[in-house]
């Protein structure tokens, strides 16, 4: 690929060349990572051998720390090796939709948004909150965010599906137990994919005022954007108290991601890898249950992995659930 990049005419097709250079960069990162791990393991073995030969126990603590670190890095790369899909390296667009459960479900959607934002922050991943649609009383009817970083789509695809919450409702005057649902949808960004073409003449744009909590308008100008892609019928809205230009830019990115997903759905072999089945936001279809009352538990129904610390999970500690799901898919 490096030789090809140096040939005359390589940049004649700028878009194609740019995508190839991005792929080359990712391959270089992978090669450098594994060569680094190889070098670290050789140094560790040599240091261990030297300590044994000289009967030097003073190095034991250092060797144990370095060994544990190397094991942890290798375990992480073993997970990454499961990510071989065509879009796994791309940033992910995460859409959260409140389901059955009324105001509690809208509050649950906001809790999930905070969970994914915290996960991204924990891993220092780029994050953009692209759209927020507030509920009438509290919470969110829906939210869309983009999370970047290595293998973002590959990891977050494990989160796609219905998430169920059981707790004492803070919105019920009798403080009764309430079950709420929210749907999480994960799409890969289009990354200027040549397969995805959005012509300006195919888009109908409407503007309206952004709304805040309680349904109140938060701006005097119509900065929120609604895009309708006429050929496909896909409708995308974006309202996050930004300028109309910024909202339109985000809406275009979401639209392209949805078009890419639709094209992939039309290729039958890629349906399961891309999006899985969409299911109703109700009983019996959840991938994960979060119980805050009468006991504390988070259980993934696909892998049976369970945690008794829902506060940590809702604080962004979801890696063990993602990794267990990815490992369960190996060999399928």
Protein backbone atom coordinates (compact mmCIF):
# COMPACT_ATOMS: atom_id res chain seq x y z
CA UNK A 1 0.00 0.00 0.00
CA UNK A 2 2.90 2.36 0.69
CA UNK A 3 4.40 1.57 -2.72
CA UNK A 4 1.03 2.20 -4.36
CA UNK A 5 0.75 5.56 -2.57
CA UNK A 6 4.00 6.65 -4.18
CA UNK A 7 2.94 5.87 -7.74
CA UNK A 8 2.01 8.64 -10.21
CA UNK A 9 -1.70 9.40 -10.40
CA UNK A 10 -2.45 7.96 -6.94
CA UNK A 11 -4.18 11.16 -5.85
CA UNK A 12 -6.14 11.64 -9.07
CA UNK A 13 -9.12 10.10 -7.29
CA UNK A 14 -8.75 12.12 -4.09
CA UNK A 15 -11.62 10.47 -2.19
CA UNK A 16 -10.43 6.94 -2.94
CA UNK A 17 -6.82 7.83 -2.09
CA UNK A 18 -7.87 9.41 1.19
CA UNK A 19 -9.77 6.28 2.25
CA UNK A 20 -6.77 4.09 1.33
CA UNK A 21 -4.46 6.30 3.39
CA UNK A 22 -6.80 5.99 6.38
CA UNK A 23 -6.75 2.21 5.98
CA UNK A 24 -2.95 2.26 5.70
CA UNK A 25 -2.75 4.29 8.90
CA UNK A 26 -4.90 1.75 10.76
CA UNK A 27 -2.78 -1.15 9.45
CA UNK A 28 0.42 0.58 10.56
CA UNK A 29 -1.06 1.11 14.02
CA UNK A 30 -1.91 -2.60 14.23
CA UNK A 31 1.55 -3.72 13.11
CA UNK A 32 3.27 -1.31 15.49
CA UNK A 33 1.07 -2.45 18.36
CA UNK A 34 1.89 -6.15 17.91
CA UNK A 35 5.59 -5.48 17.35
CA UNK A 36 5.55 -3.46 20.56
CA UNK A 37 3.89 -6.32 22.45
CA UNK A 38 6.45 -8.74 21.01
CA UNK A 39 9.29 -6.50 22.13
CA UNK A 40 7.79 -6.09 25.60
CA UNK A 41 7.38 -9.84 26.04
CA UNK A 42 10.99 -10.53 24.92
CA UNK A 43 12.34 -7.93 27.34
CA UNK A 44 10.24 -9.41 30.14
CA UNK A 45 11.49 -12.95 29.45
CA UNK A 46 15.11 -11.77 29.32
CA UNK A 47 14.76 -9.82 32.56
CA UNK A 48 13.13 -12.83 34.25
CA UNK A 49 15.88 -15.16 33.06
CA UNK A 50 18.55 -12.77 34.35
CA UNK A 51 16.84 -12.51 37.75
CA UNK A 52 16.64 -16.28 38.03
CA UNK A 53 20.27 -16.80 37.04
CA UNK A 54 21.47 -14.23 39.55
CA UNK A 55 18.91 -15.25 42.16
CA UNK A 56 17.86 -11.60 42.40
CA UNK A 57 14.52 -11.38 44.22
CA UNK A 58 14.54 -7.58 44.15
CA UNK A 59 13.07 -7.64 40.63
CA UNK A 60 10.07 -9.77 41.56
CA UNK A 61 7.63 -6.92 42.17
CA UNK A 62 8.63 -5.14 38.95
CA UNK A 63 8.30 -8.37 36.96
CA UNK A 64 4.86 -9.10 38.40
CA UNK A 65 3.62 -5.58 37.55
CA UNK A 66 4.98 -5.71 33.99
CA UNK A 67 3.63 -9.23 33.47
CA UNK A 68 0.16 -8.25 34.64
CA UNK A 69 0.22 -5.18 32.38
CA UNK A 70 1.28 -7.27 29.37
CA UNK A 71 -1.43 -9.85 30.08
CA UNK A 72 -4.04 -7.12 30.28
CA UNK A 73 -2.91 -5.60 26.97
CA UNK A 74 -2.94 -9.03 25.28
CA UNK A 75 -6.43 -9.75 26.61
CA UNK A 76 -7.63 -6.44 25.15
CA UNK A 77 -6.10 -7.29 21.76
CA UNK A 78 -7.70 -10.73 21.84
CA UNK A 79 -11.05 -8.93 22.05
CA UNK A 80 -10.03 -6.63 19.20
CA UNK A 81 -9.25 -9.65 17.03
CA UNK A 82 -12.95 -10.51 17.09
CA UNK A 83 -13.67 -7.20 15.34
CA UNK A 84 -13.25 -8.06 11.68
CA UNK A 85 -16.42 -6.54 10.24
CA UNK A 86 -16.15 -4.05 7.36
CA UNK A 87 -17.22 -1.14 9.57
CA UNK A 88 -15.84 -2.15 12.98
CA UNK A 89 -13.03 0.43 12.85
CA UNK A 90 -15.40 3.34 12.25
CA UNK A 91 -16.91 5.77 14.73
CA UNK A 92 -20.36 4.80 15.95
CA UNK A 93 -23.60 6.77 15.90
CA UNK A 94 -25.60 5.80 18.98
CA UNK A 95 -29.34 6.53 19.02
CA UNK A 96 -31.37 6.04 22.19
CA UNK A 97 -35.19 5.96 22.04
CA UNK A 98 -37.50 5.90 25.07
CA UNK A 99 -39.88 2.96 24.87
CA UNK A 100 -42.71 1.66 27.06
CA UNK A 101 -42.87 3.25 30.50
CA UNK A 102 -43.95 6.86 30.03
CA UNK A 103 -41.95 9.48 31.90
CA UNK A 104 -39.88 6.79 33.60
CA UNK A 105 -38.80 5.49 30.18
CA UNK A 106 -37.79 8.99 29.11
CA UNK A 107 -35.76 9.36 32.31
CA UNK A 108 -34.23 5.93 31.58
CA UNK A 109 -33.23 7.11 28.08
CA UNK A 110 -31.37 10.03 29.67
CA UNK A 111 -29.64 7.68 32.13
CA UNK A 112 -28.43 5.54 29.21
CA UNK A 113 -27.17 8.64 27.42
CA UNK A 114 -25.13 9.55 30.50
CA UNK A 115 -23.83 5.95 30.71
CA UNK A 116 -22.47 6.00 27.15
CA UNK A 117 -21.06 9.51 27.54
CA UNK A 118 -19.22 8.39 30.68
CA UNK A 119 -17.94 5.25 28.90
CA UNK A 120 -16.53 7.44 26.13
CA UNK A 121 -14.97 9.80 28.67
CA UNK A 122 -13.42 6.89 30.62
CA UNK A 123 -11.63 5.76 27.45
CA UNK A 124 -10.89 9.34 26.29
CA UNK A 125 -12.87 8.74 23.10
CA UNK A 126 -14.07 11.65 20.92
CA UNK A 127 -17.73 12.39 21.66
CA UNK A 128 -20.37 14.58 20.03
CA UNK A 129 -23.93 14.81 21.33
CA UNK A 130 -25.73 15.38 18.04
CA UNK A 131 -29.42 15.50 18.98
CA UNK A 132 -31.53 15.74 22.12
CA UNK A 133 -35.32 15.49 22.11
CA UNK A 134 -36.62 16.32 25.57
CA UNK A 135 -39.59 14.71 27.30
CA UNK A 136 -42.58 16.74 28.45
CA UNK A 137 -42.01 16.18 32.17
CA UNK A 138 -38.46 14.85 32.43
CA UNK A 139 -35.81 12.90 30.60
CA UNK A 140 -35.50 12.42 26.86
CA UNK A 141 -37.73 11.03 24.15
CA UNK A 142 -34.57 10.38 22.20
CA UNK A 143 -30.89 11.23 21.84
CA UNK A 144 -28.17 10.70 19.26
CA UNK A 145 -24.44 10.88 19.82
CA UNK A 146 -21.30 10.01 17.89
CA UNK A 147 -18.48 8.17 19.63
CA UNK A 148 -15.08 7.77 17.97
CA UNK A 149 -11.81 6.07 18.80
CA UNK A 150 -10.45 2.63 17.92
CA UNK A 151 -13.09 0.03 16.99
CA UNK A 152 -15.90 2.25 18.27
CA UNK A 153 -18.61 0.68 16.09
CA UNK A 154 -17.27 -2.84 16.65
CA UNK A 155 -17.46 -2.43 20.42
CA UNK A 156 -20.71 -0.52 20.68
CA UNK A 157 -22.64 -2.83 18.36
CA UNK A 158 -22.76 -5.10 21.42
CA UNK A 159 -25.04 -2.50 23.04
CA UNK A 160 -27.71 -2.59 20.35
CA UNK A 161 -31.12 -3.73 21.52
CA UNK A 162 -33.68 -3.10 24.25
CA UNK A 163 -32.47 -2.16 27.74
CA UNK A 164 -34.86 -2.72 30.65
CA UNK A 165 -34.90 -0.85 33.97
CA UNK A 166 -36.71 -1.92 37.15
CA UNK A 167 -36.80 0.55 40.06
CA UNK A 168 -39.02 2.50 42.44
CA UNK A 169 -40.41 5.27 40.28
CA UNK A 170 -39.41 8.80 41.33
CA UNK A 171 -42.35 10.05 39.25
CA UNK A 172 -45.01 7.94 40.98
CA UNK A 173 -46.59 9.68 44.02
CA UNK A 174 -46.87 6.27 45.69
CA UNK A 175 -43.24 5.40 44.85
CA UNK A 176 -44.34 2.13 43.24
CA UNK A 177 -42.04 -0.19 41.32
CA UNK A 178 -41.87 0.64 37.60
CA UNK A 179 -40.44 -1.21 34.62
CA UNK A 180 -39.18 0.94 31.75
CA UNK A 181 -37.65 0.22 28.35
CA UNK A 182 -35.37 2.04 25.93
CA UNK A 183 -34.09 1.03 22.50
CA UNK A 184 -30.42 1.53 21.62
CA UNK A 185 -29.52 1.60 17.93
CA UNK A 186 -25.90 1.55 16.74
CA UNK A 187 -24.84 2.64 13.23
CA UNK A 188 -21.41 3.06 11.66
CA UNK A 189 -20.54 6.48 10.28
CA UNK A 190 -20.39 6.71 6.50
CA UNK A 191 -16.91 8.35 6.55
CA UNK A 192 -17.53 9.83 3.09
CA UNK A 193 -18.12 6.31 1.81
CA UNK A 194 -18.43 6.44 -2.00
CA UNK A 195 -21.33 3.99 -1.73
CA UNK A 196 -23.39 6.64 0.06
CA UNK A 197 -24.46 9.52 -2.15
CA UNK A 198 -26.69 12.29 -0.82
CA UNK A 199 -27.65 14.83 -3.45
CA UNK A 200 -28.87 18.21 -2.27
CA UNK A 201 -31.86 18.02 -4.63
CA UNK A 202 -32.98 14.81 -2.86
CA UNK A 203 -33.20 16.51 0.54
CA UNK A 204 -36.12 18.51 1.90
CA UNK A 205 -35.13 20.68 4.88
CA UNK A 206 -37.51 22.14 7.47
CA UNK A 207 -36.48 24.28 10.44
CA UNK A 208 -38.10 24.78 13.83
CA UNK A 209 -37.22 26.04 17.28
CA UNK A 210 -35.21 23.78 19.58
CA UNK A 211 -37.17 22.63 22.61
CA UNK A 212 -35.84 22.15 26.11
CA UNK A 213 -37.10 20.28 29.19
CA UNK A 214 -40.85 20.54 29.60
CA UNK A 215 -41.37 21.20 25.91
CA UNK A 216 -40.41 24.88 26.19
CA UNK A 217 -38.71 26.58 23.28
CA UNK A 218 -35.13 27.41 24.24
CA UNK A 219 -34.34 29.63 21.26
CA UNK A 220 -36.06 32.50 19.55
CA UNK A 221 -34.71 31.47 16.16
CA UNK A 222 -35.49 28.31 14.23
CA UNK A 223 -32.13 26.54 14.59
CA UNK A 224 -33.40 22.93 14.81
CA UNK A 225 -33.36 21.03 11.54
CA UNK A 226 -35.50 18.27 10.05
CA UNK A 227 -34.16 16.59 6.91
CA UNK A 228 -36.30 14.34 4.72
CA UNK A 229 -34.43 12.20 2.20
CA UNK A 230 -37.11 12.01 -0.48
CA UNK A 231 -35.92 8.87 -2.36
CA UNK A 232 -35.71 6.71 0.79
CA UNK A 233 -38.27 8.46 3.01
CA UNK A 234 -35.76 8.62 5.88
CA UNK A 235 -36.39 11.56 8.23
CA UNK A 236 -33.69 12.91 10.55
CA UNK A 237 -34.02 15.70 13.10
CA UNK A 238 -31.25 17.49 14.94
CA UNK A 239 -31.80 19.99 17.74
CA UNK A 240 -29.12 20.55 20.30
CA UNK A 241 -29.17 24.30 20.94
CA UNK A 242 -26.58 24.88 18.24
CA UNK A 243 -26.66 27.00 15.13
CA UNK A 244 -28.79 25.89 12.22
CA UNK A 245 -25.60 25.21 10.23
CA UNK A 246 -24.20 22.88 12.92
CA UNK A 247 -27.50 21.06 13.32
CA UNK A 248 -27.74 20.55 9.56
CA UNK A 249 -24.19 19.19 9.45
CA UNK A 250 -24.97 16.65 12.18
CA UNK A 251 -28.27 15.73 10.53
CA UNK A 252 -26.45 15.00 7.26
CA UNK A 253 -24.01 12.73 9.08
CA UNK A 254 -26.84 10.83 10.74
CA UNK A 255 -28.70 10.57 7.42
CA UNK A 256 -25.63 9.16 5.67
CA UNK A 257 -25.20 6.58 8.44
CA UNK A 258 -28.82 5.50 8.08
CA UNK A 259 -28.46 5.23 4.30
CA UNK A 260 -25.31 3.14 4.72
CA UNK A 261 -27.17 0.84 7.11
CA UNK A 262 -30.07 0.53 4.69
CA UNK A 263 -27.75 -0.38 1.83
CA UNK A 264 -26.10 -2.99 4.01
CA UNK A 265 -29.49 -4.43 4.96
CA UNK A 266 -30.18 -5.01 1.30
CA UNK A 267 -27.15 -7.30 1.24
CA UNK A 268 -28.60 -10.28 3.06
CA UNK A 269 -25.25 -11.64 4.25
CA UNK A 270 -24.45 -8.42 6.13
CA UNK A 271 -27.75 -7.91 7.95
CA UNK A 272 -26.84 -9.78 11.14
CA UNK A 273 -23.37 -8.22 11.38
CA UNK A 274 -24.60 -4.69 10.74
CA UNK A 275 -27.66 -4.17 12.89
CA UNK A 276 -29.25 -7.38 14.07
CA UNK A 277 -33.02 -7.49 14.43
CA UNK A 278 -34.92 -4.48 15.63
CA UNK A 279 -37.47 -5.46 18.23
CA UNK A 280 -40.34 -3.82 20.07
CA UNK A 281 -39.43 -1.79 23.19
CA UNK A 282 -41.41 -3.98 25.56
CA UNK A 283 -41.43 -7.15 27.65
CA UNK A 284 -39.51 -10.19 26.44
CA UNK A 285 -37.21 -8.49 23.96
CA UNK A 286 -34.55 -6.95 26.20
CA UNK A 287 -30.85 -7.73 25.84
CA UNK A 288 -30.02 -6.47 29.32
CA UNK A 289 -31.90 -5.81 32.56
CA UNK A 290 -30.91 -3.26 35.17
CA UNK A 291 -32.63 -3.87 38.51
CA UNK A 292 -32.36 -1.23 41.25
CA UNK A 293 -35.19 -2.59 43.44
CA UNK A 294 -35.90 -4.90 45.30
CA UNK A 295 -32.27 -5.99 44.78
CA UNK A 296 -29.36 -4.58 42.76
CA UNK A 297 -28.30 -6.36 39.61
CA UNK A 298 -27.43 -5.92 35.94
CA UNK A 299 -27.81 -9.03 33.78
CA UNK A 300 -27.05 -9.49 30.09
CA UNK A 301 -29.55 -12.01 28.76
CA UNK A 302 -27.35 -13.03 25.80
CA UNK A 303 -24.29 -14.08 27.81
CA UNK A 304 -25.81 -14.43 31.32
CA UNK A 305 -23.04 -12.18 32.64
CA UNK A 306 -24.20 -10.45 35.80
CA UNK A 307 -23.05 -7.56 37.99
CA UNK A 308 -24.28 -6.64 41.46
CA UNK A 309 -23.08 -3.06 41.09
CA UNK A 310 -25.54 -1.25 38.79
CA UNK A 311 -24.22 2.13 39.93
CA UNK A 312 -20.81 1.32 38.42
CA UNK A 313 -22.40 0.01 35.22
CA UNK A 314 -24.57 3.12 34.85
CA UNK A 315 -21.40 5.10 35.50
CA UNK A 316 -19.91 3.74 32.27
CA UNK A 317 -18.35 0.47 33.44
CA UNK A 318 -19.82 -1.63 30.60
CA UNK A 319 -16.62 -3.15 29.16
CA UNK A 320 -17.09 -6.58 30.72
CA UNK A 321 -20.54 -6.84 29.11
CA UNK A 322 -19.23 -5.75 25.72
CA UNK A 323 -16.26 -8.13 25.87
CA UNK A 324 -18.36 -11.09 27.01
CA UNK A 325 -20.75 -10.54 24.11
CA UNK A 326 -17.93 -10.22 21.56
CA UNK A 327 -16.26 -13.41 22.80
CA UNK A 328 -19.60 -15.23 22.66
CA UNK A 329 -19.82 -14.41 18.94
CA UNK A 330 -16.43 -15.96 18.08
CA UNK A 331 -16.87 -18.87 15.68
CA UNK A 332 -20.43 -17.98 14.69
